[in-house]
């Protein structure tokens, strides 16, 4: 069964959401290195993913700190470990790539953690924006550093 996709406006631009039923598979920012377009076999459905849209709106309005959505990210076993660790970073906090590597018991895999973080198919919901450099600096982000900065400020993680 092909995925359905829809768009929604947000403070960081128009987001693309794709999934099956109410299960979210992908979220794309309007720009940045992880920006992508609907695939040819996807079907546009304006009313798709209502729950995801509702929760994302609540997040941006400051009314939601933890998402409760059905999601279906895809990736290797290692990537899925990293995505699982990202979901454990509390709202308003950050972690370093090294912290994530240690959390998944792969302390030498810092670069691989960075690569897996960069391939997150469902940003915001899986909060890869909460991962920063070891010195606290903002590092690469699939939606662009301006978007990352906006999200971290929205959550109160940085000034």
N, C-alpha and C. Protein backbone atom coordinates (compact mmCIF):
# COMPACT_ATOMS: atom_id res chain seq x y z
N UNK A 1 0.84 -1.18 0.00
CA UNK A 1 0.00 0.00 0.00
C UNK A 1 0.89 1.25 0.00
N UNK A 2 0.70 2.16 -0.97
CA UNK A 2 1.56 3.36 -1.03
C UNK A 2 1.28 4.31 0.12
N UNK A 3 2.23 5.17 0.36
CA UNK A 3 2.08 6.17 1.40
C UNK A 3 1.20 7.32 0.91
N UNK A 4 0.54 7.95 1.86
CA UNK A 4 -0.18 9.18 1.60
C UNK A 4 0.68 10.32 2.13
N UNK A 5 0.57 11.47 1.49
CA UNK A 5 1.32 12.62 1.99
C UNK A 5 0.43 13.85 2.02
N UNK A 6 0.86 14.78 2.85
CA UNK A 6 0.16 16.05 3.00
C UNK A 6 1.18 17.09 3.40
N UNK A 7 0.78 18.33 3.35
CA UNK A 7 1.64 19.43 3.77
C UNK A 7 0.96 20.17 4.91
N UNK A 8 1.78 20.82 5.74
CA UNK A 8 1.24 21.68 6.78
C UNK A 8 2.17 22.87 6.97
N UNK A 9 1.56 24.00 7.27
CA UNK A 9 2.35 25.20 7.55
C UNK A 9 2.88 25.13 8.98
N UNK A 10 4.07 25.69 9.17
CA UNK A 10 4.68 25.73 10.50
C UNK A 10 5.56 26.98 10.57
N UNK A 11 6.01 27.34 11.76
CA UNK A 11 6.91 28.49 11.88
C UNK A 11 8.25 28.30 11.17
N UNK A 12 8.60 27.08 10.81
CA UNK A 12 9.86 26.83 10.09
C UNK A 12 9.60 26.54 8.62
N UNK A 13 8.41 26.83 8.16
CA UNK A 13 8.09 26.62 6.75
C UNK A 13 7.11 25.48 6.57
N UNK A 14 6.79 25.22 5.32
CA UNK A 14 5.82 24.16 5.01
C UNK A 14 6.47 22.78 5.15
N UNK A 15 5.89 21.97 6.02
CA UNK A 15 6.41 20.62 6.27
C UNK A 15 5.67 19.61 5.40
N UNK A 16 6.39 18.62 4.92
CA UNK A 16 5.82 17.49 4.21
C UNK A 16 5.72 16.33 5.19
N UNK A 17 4.55 15.75 5.32
CA UNK A 17 4.34 14.58 6.17
C UNK A 17 3.87 13.44 5.28
N UNK A 18 4.40 12.25 5.51
CA UNK A 18 3.98 11.09 4.74
C UNK A 18 3.83 9.90 5.66
N UNK A 19 2.82 9.10 5.38
CA UNK A 19 2.58 7.92 6.21
C UNK A 19 1.47 7.07 5.65
N UNK A 20 1.09 6.11 6.47
CA UNK A 20 0.03 5.18 6.12
C UNK A 20 -0.99 5.22 7.24
N UNK A 21 -2.23 5.58 6.93
CA UNK A 21 -3.22 5.74 7.99
C UNK A 21 -2.77 6.89 8.88
N UNK A 22 -2.70 6.66 10.18
CA UNK A 22 -2.20 7.68 11.10
C UNK A 22 -0.77 7.38 11.55
N UNK A 23 -0.07 6.50 10.84
CA UNK A 23 1.31 6.15 11.17
C UNK A 23 2.25 7.01 10.32
N UNK A 24 3.03 7.83 10.98
CA UNK A 24 3.95 8.75 10.30
C UNK A 24 5.24 8.03 9.94
N UNK A 25 5.63 8.12 8.66
CA UNK A 25 6.86 7.50 8.18
C UNK A 25 7.96 8.53 7.90
N UNK A 26 7.54 9.73 7.44
CA UNK A 26 8.50 10.75 7.06
C UNK A 26 7.98 12.14 7.41
N UNK A 27 8.92 13.02 7.74
CA UNK A 27 8.64 14.44 7.90
C UNK A 27 9.81 15.16 7.23
N UNK A 28 9.51 16.09 6.34
CA UNK A 28 10.56 16.82 5.64
C UNK A 28 10.37 18.31 5.81
N UNK A 29 11.50 18.99 6.05
CA UNK A 29 11.51 20.44 6.09
C UNK A 29 11.49 20.99 4.66
N UNK A 30 11.15 22.27 4.49
CA UNK A 30 11.10 22.82 3.14
C UNK A 30 12.47 23.04 2.50
N UNK A 31 13.53 23.05 3.32
CA UNK A 31 14.88 23.23 2.78
C UNK A 31 15.86 22.49 3.68
N UNK A 32 17.13 22.49 3.27
CA UNK A 32 18.16 21.79 4.03
C UNK A 32 18.56 20.52 3.31
N UNK A 33 19.60 19.89 3.82
CA UNK A 33 20.14 18.72 3.12
C UNK A 33 19.22 17.50 3.18
N UNK A 34 18.30 17.47 4.13
CA UNK A 34 17.38 16.33 4.22
C UNK A 34 15.99 16.65 3.66
N UNK A 35 15.89 17.74 2.91
CA UNK A 35 14.62 18.09 2.27
C UNK A 35 14.35 17.07 1.16
N UNK A 36 13.14 16.58 1.10
CA UNK A 36 12.80 15.67 0.00
C UNK A 36 11.37 15.92 -0.46
N UNK A 37 11.09 15.42 -1.63
CA UNK A 37 9.79 15.58 -2.27
C UNK A 37 9.03 14.26 -2.22
N UNK A 38 7.71 14.31 -2.39
CA UNK A 38 6.94 13.06 -2.43
C UNK A 38 7.45 12.13 -3.53
N UNK A 39 7.42 10.85 -3.25
CA UNK A 39 7.82 9.85 -4.24
C UNK A 39 6.69 9.65 -5.25
N UNK A 40 7.02 9.18 -6.46
CA UNK A 40 5.99 9.03 -7.49
C UNK A 40 4.82 8.12 -7.11
N UNK A 41 5.06 7.14 -6.26
CA UNK A 41 3.97 6.22 -5.90
C UNK A 41 3.17 6.67 -4.67
N UNK A 42 3.53 7.81 -4.08
CA UNK A 42 2.77 8.35 -2.95
C UNK A 42 1.53 9.06 -3.47
N UNK A 43 0.49 9.09 -2.65
CA UNK A 43 -0.76 9.75 -3.02
C UNK A 43 -0.99 10.97 -2.13
N UNK A 44 -1.29 12.10 -2.78
CA UNK A 44 -1.58 13.32 -2.01
C UNK A 44 -2.98 13.22 -1.42
N UNK A 45 -3.07 13.47 -0.13
CA UNK A 45 -4.36 13.45 0.56
C UNK A 45 -4.31 14.54 1.62
N UNK A 46 -5.02 15.62 1.38
CA UNK A 46 -4.97 16.80 2.25
C UNK A 46 -5.30 16.48 3.70
N UNK A 47 -6.24 15.55 3.92
CA UNK A 47 -6.68 15.24 5.28
C UNK A 47 -5.85 14.14 5.95
N UNK A 48 -4.79 13.69 5.31
CA UNK A 48 -3.96 12.62 5.88
C UNK A 48 -3.25 13.09 7.14
N UNK A 49 -2.97 12.16 8.03
CA UNK A 49 -2.14 12.36 9.21
C UNK A 49 -2.63 13.51 10.11
N UNK A 50 -3.91 13.53 10.36
CA UNK A 50 -4.52 14.59 11.18
C UNK A 50 -3.92 14.66 12.58
N UNK A 51 -3.69 13.50 13.20
CA UNK A 51 -3.14 13.49 14.55
C UNK A 51 -1.74 14.09 14.58
N UNK A 52 -0.92 13.74 13.59
CA UNK A 52 0.43 14.30 13.52
C UNK A 52 0.37 15.81 13.35
N UNK A 53 -0.48 16.28 12.45
CA UNK A 53 -0.62 17.72 12.25
C UNK A 53 -1.05 18.42 13.53
N UNK A 54 -2.03 17.85 14.20
CA UNK A 54 -2.54 18.43 15.45
C UNK A 54 -1.43 18.54 16.49
N UNK A 55 -0.66 17.45 16.68
CA UNK A 55 0.39 17.46 17.70
C UNK A 55 1.54 18.38 17.31
N UNK A 56 1.88 18.45 16.03
CA UNK A 56 2.95 19.36 15.60
C UNK A 56 2.52 20.81 15.82
N UNK A 57 1.28 21.12 15.51
CA UNK A 57 0.76 22.47 15.79
C UNK A 57 0.84 22.78 17.29
N UNK A 58 0.44 21.82 18.13
CA UNK A 58 0.48 22.00 19.58
C UNK A 58 1.92 22.20 20.06
N UNK A 59 2.86 21.47 19.48
CA UNK A 59 4.28 21.62 19.81
C UNK A 59 4.75 23.05 19.51
N UNK A 60 4.45 23.52 18.30
CA UNK A 60 4.89 24.86 17.90
C UNK A 60 4.21 25.96 18.70
N UNK A 61 3.02 25.70 19.22
CA UNK A 61 2.34 26.72 20.02
C UNK A 61 2.73 26.64 21.49
N UNK A 62 3.63 25.71 21.85
CA UNK A 62 4.11 25.60 23.22
C UNK A 62 3.20 24.79 24.13
N UNK A 63 2.21 24.11 23.57
CA UNK A 63 1.27 23.33 24.38
C UNK A 63 1.63 21.86 24.49
N UNK A 64 2.64 21.40 23.74
CA UNK A 64 2.99 19.97 23.74
C UNK A 64 4.50 19.83 23.90
N UNK A 65 4.91 19.00 24.85
CA UNK A 65 6.33 18.77 25.08
C UNK A 65 6.77 17.37 24.71
N UNK A 66 5.84 16.46 24.56
CA UNK A 66 6.18 15.09 24.18
C UNK A 66 5.13 14.57 23.21
N UNK A 67 5.61 14.09 22.08
CA UNK A 67 4.70 13.56 21.08
C UNK A 67 4.22 12.18 21.46
N UNK A 68 2.99 11.89 21.10
CA UNK A 68 2.41 10.56 21.30
C UNK A 68 1.78 10.16 19.97
N UNK A 69 2.65 9.76 19.05
CA UNK A 69 2.23 9.41 17.70
C UNK A 69 2.73 8.03 17.33
N UNK A 70 1.99 7.38 16.46
CA UNK A 70 2.48 6.14 15.86
C UNK A 70 3.46 6.54 14.76
N UNK A 71 4.68 6.05 14.86
CA UNK A 71 5.70 6.36 13.86
C UNK A 71 6.32 5.07 13.35
N UNK A 72 6.85 5.13 12.13
CA UNK A 72 7.48 3.95 11.53
C UNK A 72 8.76 4.36 10.80
N UNK A 73 9.79 4.76 11.55
CA UNK A 73 11.05 5.10 10.89
C UNK A 73 11.71 3.83 10.34
N UNK A 74 12.46 4.01 9.28
CA UNK A 74 13.19 2.90 8.67
C UNK A 74 14.68 3.15 8.81
N UNK A 75 15.46 2.09 8.94
CA UNK A 75 16.90 2.22 9.01
C UNK A 75 17.54 0.91 9.41
N UNK A 76 18.86 0.93 9.45
CA UNK A 76 19.61 -0.24 9.88
C UNK A 76 19.39 -0.45 11.38
N UNK A 77 19.84 -1.55 11.89
CA UNK A 77 19.72 -1.81 13.33
C UNK A 77 20.43 -0.72 14.13
N UNK A 78 21.61 -0.31 13.68
CA UNK A 78 22.34 0.75 14.37
C UNK A 78 21.57 2.07 14.31
N UNK A 79 21.07 2.43 13.13
CA UNK A 79 20.31 3.67 13.00
C UNK A 79 19.08 3.66 13.91
N UNK A 80 18.43 2.52 14.01
CA UNK A 80 17.25 2.43 14.87
C UNK A 80 17.64 2.58 16.35
N UNK A 81 18.82 2.08 16.74
CA UNK A 81 19.30 2.29 18.12
C UNK A 81 19.49 3.78 18.39
N UNK A 82 20.10 4.46 17.43
CA UNK A 82 20.33 5.90 17.58
C UNK A 82 18.99 6.64 17.66
N UNK A 83 18.06 6.31 16.77
CA UNK A 83 16.75 6.98 16.78
C UNK A 83 16.03 6.73 18.11
N UNK A 84 16.17 5.53 18.64
CA UNK A 84 15.58 5.23 19.95
C UNK A 84 16.19 6.08 21.05
N UNK A 85 17.50 6.26 20.99
CA UNK A 85 18.19 7.09 22.00
C UNK A 85 17.76 8.55 21.88
N UNK A 86 17.59 9.02 20.66
CA UNK A 86 17.17 10.41 20.46
C UNK A 86 15.81 10.66 21.11
N UNK A 87 14.94 9.68 21.03
CA UNK A 87 13.59 9.84 21.59
C UNK A 87 13.60 9.93 23.11
N UNK A 88 14.71 9.59 23.72
CA UNK A 88 14.82 9.64 25.18
C UNK A 88 15.41 10.97 25.67
N UNK A 89 15.81 11.84 24.75
CA UNK A 89 16.32 13.16 25.17
C UNK A 89 15.13 14.01 25.58
N UNK A 90 15.10 14.46 26.83
CA UNK A 90 13.94 15.24 27.29
C UNK A 90 13.79 16.58 26.58
N UNK A 91 12.57 17.02 26.48
CA UNK A 91 12.23 18.34 25.96
C UNK A 91 13.05 19.39 26.69
N UNK A 92 13.62 20.32 25.93
CA UNK A 92 14.36 21.41 26.54
C UNK A 92 15.78 21.07 26.95
N UNK A 93 16.25 19.87 26.60
CA UNK A 93 17.62 19.48 26.93
C UNK A 93 18.35 19.09 25.65
N UNK A 94 19.66 19.07 25.73
CA UNK A 94 20.48 18.63 24.60
C UNK A 94 21.43 17.53 25.07
N UNK A 95 21.93 16.81 24.10
CA UNK A 95 22.96 15.79 24.32
C UNK A 95 23.98 15.92 23.20
N UNK A 96 25.18 15.44 23.45
CA UNK A 96 26.21 15.44 22.41
C UNK A 96 26.16 14.10 21.66
N UNK A 97 26.82 14.08 20.52
CA UNK A 97 26.93 12.83 19.77
C UNK A 97 27.63 11.78 20.63
N UNK A 98 28.62 12.22 21.40
CA UNK A 98 29.33 11.31 22.30
C UNK A 98 28.38 10.73 23.35
N UNK A 99 27.51 11.58 23.90
CA UNK A 99 26.52 11.11 24.88
C UNK A 99 25.65 10.00 24.29
N UNK A 100 25.21 10.21 23.06
CA UNK A 100 24.35 9.21 22.39
C UNK A 100 25.13 7.93 22.16
N UNK A 101 26.37 8.05 21.70
CA UNK A 101 27.21 6.86 21.47
C UNK A 101 27.38 6.06 22.76
N UNK A 102 27.62 6.75 23.85
CA UNK A 102 27.76 6.06 25.13
C UNK A 102 26.44 5.45 25.58
N UNK A 103 25.34 6.15 25.35
CA UNK A 103 24.02 5.66 25.75
C UNK A 103 23.69 4.33 25.08
N UNK A 104 24.09 4.17 23.82
CA UNK A 104 23.80 2.92 23.10
C UNK A 104 24.95 1.91 23.22
N UNK A 105 25.87 2.15 24.17
CA UNK A 105 27.01 1.26 24.42
C UNK A 105 27.92 1.08 23.21
N UNK A 106 28.09 2.17 22.46
CA UNK A 106 29.01 2.17 21.32
C UNK A 106 29.87 3.44 21.42
N UNK A 107 30.68 3.57 22.50
CA UNK A 107 31.38 4.82 22.78
C UNK A 107 32.32 5.30 21.68
N UNK A 108 32.78 4.41 20.82
CA UNK A 108 33.70 4.82 19.75
C UNK A 108 32.97 5.15 18.46
N UNK A 109 31.66 5.06 18.47
CA UNK A 109 30.87 5.25 17.24
C UNK A 109 30.31 6.66 17.13
N UNK A 110 31.05 7.65 17.60
CA UNK A 110 30.53 9.02 17.62
C UNK A 110 30.20 9.50 16.20
N UNK A 111 31.09 9.26 15.25
CA UNK A 111 30.83 9.69 13.87
C UNK A 111 29.65 8.94 13.27
N UNK A 112 29.56 7.67 13.55
CA UNK A 112 28.43 6.88 13.04
C UNK A 112 27.11 7.36 13.65
N UNK A 113 27.16 7.77 14.91
CA UNK A 113 25.98 8.34 15.54
C UNK A 113 25.58 9.62 14.81
N UNK A 114 26.56 10.45 14.48
CA UNK A 114 26.29 11.67 13.73
C UNK A 114 25.65 11.39 12.39
N UNK A 115 26.16 10.36 11.71
CA UNK A 115 25.60 10.01 10.40
C UNK A 115 24.17 9.49 10.54
N UNK A 116 23.93 8.64 11.53
CA UNK A 116 22.58 8.10 11.75
C UNK A 116 21.62 9.22 12.15
N UNK A 117 22.10 10.14 12.98
CA UNK A 117 21.30 11.28 13.40
C UNK A 117 20.90 12.11 12.17
N UNK A 118 21.83 12.27 11.25
CA UNK A 118 21.59 13.05 10.05
C UNK A 118 20.63 12.40 9.06
N UNK A 119 20.36 11.11 9.23
CA UNK A 119 19.43 10.40 8.35
C UNK A 119 18.06 10.20 8.99
N UNK A 120 17.81 10.87 10.08
CA UNK A 120 16.52 10.74 10.78
C UNK A 120 15.37 11.07 9.82
N UNK A 121 14.48 10.11 9.56
CA UNK A 121 13.39 10.37 8.62
C UNK A 121 12.21 11.13 9.22
N UNK A 122 12.20 11.30 10.56
CA UNK A 122 11.06 11.95 11.21
C UNK A 122 11.58 12.99 12.22
N UNK A 123 12.27 14.04 11.71
CA UNK A 123 12.76 15.06 12.64
C UNK A 123 11.61 15.75 13.37
N UNK A 124 11.92 16.43 14.40
CA UNK A 124 11.02 17.07 15.35
C UNK A 124 10.39 16.00 16.23
N UNK A 125 9.69 15.04 15.64
CA UNK A 125 9.06 13.96 16.41
C UNK A 125 10.15 13.11 17.06
N UNK A 126 11.14 12.70 16.28
CA UNK A 126 12.36 12.08 16.81
C UNK A 126 13.36 13.23 16.86
N UNK A 127 13.63 13.76 18.06
CA UNK A 127 14.26 15.08 18.21
C UNK A 127 15.77 15.12 17.96
N UNK A 128 16.16 14.92 16.72
CA UNK A 128 17.58 15.00 16.38
C UNK A 128 18.13 16.42 16.55
N UNK A 129 17.24 17.41 16.58
CA UNK A 129 17.69 18.80 16.78
C UNK A 129 18.28 19.00 18.17
N UNK A 130 18.02 18.07 19.09
CA UNK A 130 18.53 18.20 20.46
C UNK A 130 19.97 17.70 20.61
N UNK A 131 20.57 17.27 19.50
CA UNK A 131 21.95 16.79 19.55
C UNK A 131 22.87 17.90 19.07
N UNK A 132 23.86 18.22 19.89
CA UNK A 132 24.79 19.31 19.62
C UNK A 132 26.22 18.79 19.72
N UNK A 133 27.17 19.62 19.34
CA UNK A 133 28.58 19.25 19.45
C UNK A 133 28.99 19.11 20.90
N UNK A 134 30.11 18.46 21.13
CA UNK A 134 30.60 18.22 22.49
C UNK A 134 30.80 19.53 23.25
N UNK A 135 31.09 20.61 22.53
CA UNK A 135 31.30 21.91 23.16
C UNK A 135 30.01 22.73 23.23
N UNK A 136 28.89 22.11 22.88
CA UNK A 136 27.60 22.79 22.92
C UNK A 136 27.26 23.54 21.65
N UNK A 137 28.16 23.49 20.66
CA UNK A 137 27.91 24.23 19.42
C UNK A 137 26.83 23.54 18.59
N UNK A 138 26.14 24.37 17.81
CA UNK A 138 25.14 23.82 16.89
C UNK A 138 25.89 23.21 15.73
N UNK A 139 25.61 21.95 15.47
CA UNK A 139 26.26 21.25 14.37
C UNK A 139 25.20 21.01 13.30
N UNK A 140 25.59 20.36 12.23
CA UNK A 140 24.70 20.14 11.10
C UNK A 140 23.31 19.68 11.48
N UNK A 141 22.35 20.05 10.63
CA UNK A 141 20.97 19.66 10.85
C UNK A 141 20.28 19.60 9.49
N UNK A 142 19.54 18.54 9.25
CA UNK A 142 18.90 18.32 7.95
C UNK A 142 17.96 19.41 7.52
N UNK A 143 17.40 20.15 8.46
CA UNK A 143 16.50 21.26 8.13
C UNK A 143 17.20 22.60 8.11
N UNK A 144 18.52 22.60 8.28
CA UNK A 144 19.29 23.84 8.32
C UNK A 144 19.51 24.31 9.75
N UNK A 145 20.61 25.00 9.97
CA UNK A 145 20.95 25.44 11.32
C UNK A 145 19.97 26.49 11.87
N UNK A 146 19.39 27.30 11.00
CA UNK A 146 18.40 28.27 11.47
C UNK A 146 17.19 27.56 12.08
N UNK A 147 16.79 26.47 11.45
CA UNK A 147 15.65 25.69 11.96
C UNK A 147 16.02 25.03 13.28
N UNK A 148 17.23 24.48 13.35
CA UNK A 148 17.68 23.85 14.59
C UNK A 148 17.68 24.87 15.73
N UNK A 149 18.22 26.05 15.45
CA UNK A 149 18.26 27.11 16.45
C UNK A 149 16.84 27.48 16.89
N UNK A 150 15.92 27.62 15.94
CA UNK A 150 14.53 27.94 16.27
C UNK A 150 13.94 26.89 17.20
N UNK A 151 14.13 25.60 16.87
CA UNK A 151 13.55 24.51 17.67
C UNK A 151 14.12 24.48 19.08
N UNK A 152 15.44 24.67 19.20
CA UNK A 152 16.06 24.65 20.52
C UNK A 152 15.63 25.86 21.35
N UNK A 153 15.43 26.99 20.72
CA UNK A 153 14.92 28.16 21.44
C UNK A 153 13.46 27.95 21.85
N UNK A 154 12.68 27.37 20.96
CA UNK A 154 11.28 27.08 21.26
C UNK A 154 11.16 26.22 22.52
N UNK A 155 12.07 25.26 22.64
CA UNK A 155 12.06 24.34 23.79
C UNK A 155 12.76 24.91 25.02
N UNK A 156 13.40 26.06 24.88
CA UNK A 156 14.11 26.65 26.01
C UNK A 156 15.44 25.98 26.30
N UNK A 157 15.96 25.23 25.33
CA UNK A 157 17.24 24.54 25.53
C UNK A 157 18.41 25.50 25.42
N UNK A 158 18.22 26.60 24.68
CA UNK A 158 19.25 27.63 24.55
C UNK A 158 18.54 28.99 24.53
N UNK A 159 19.32 30.03 24.77
CA UNK A 159 18.75 31.40 24.74
C UNK A 159 18.70 31.94 23.33
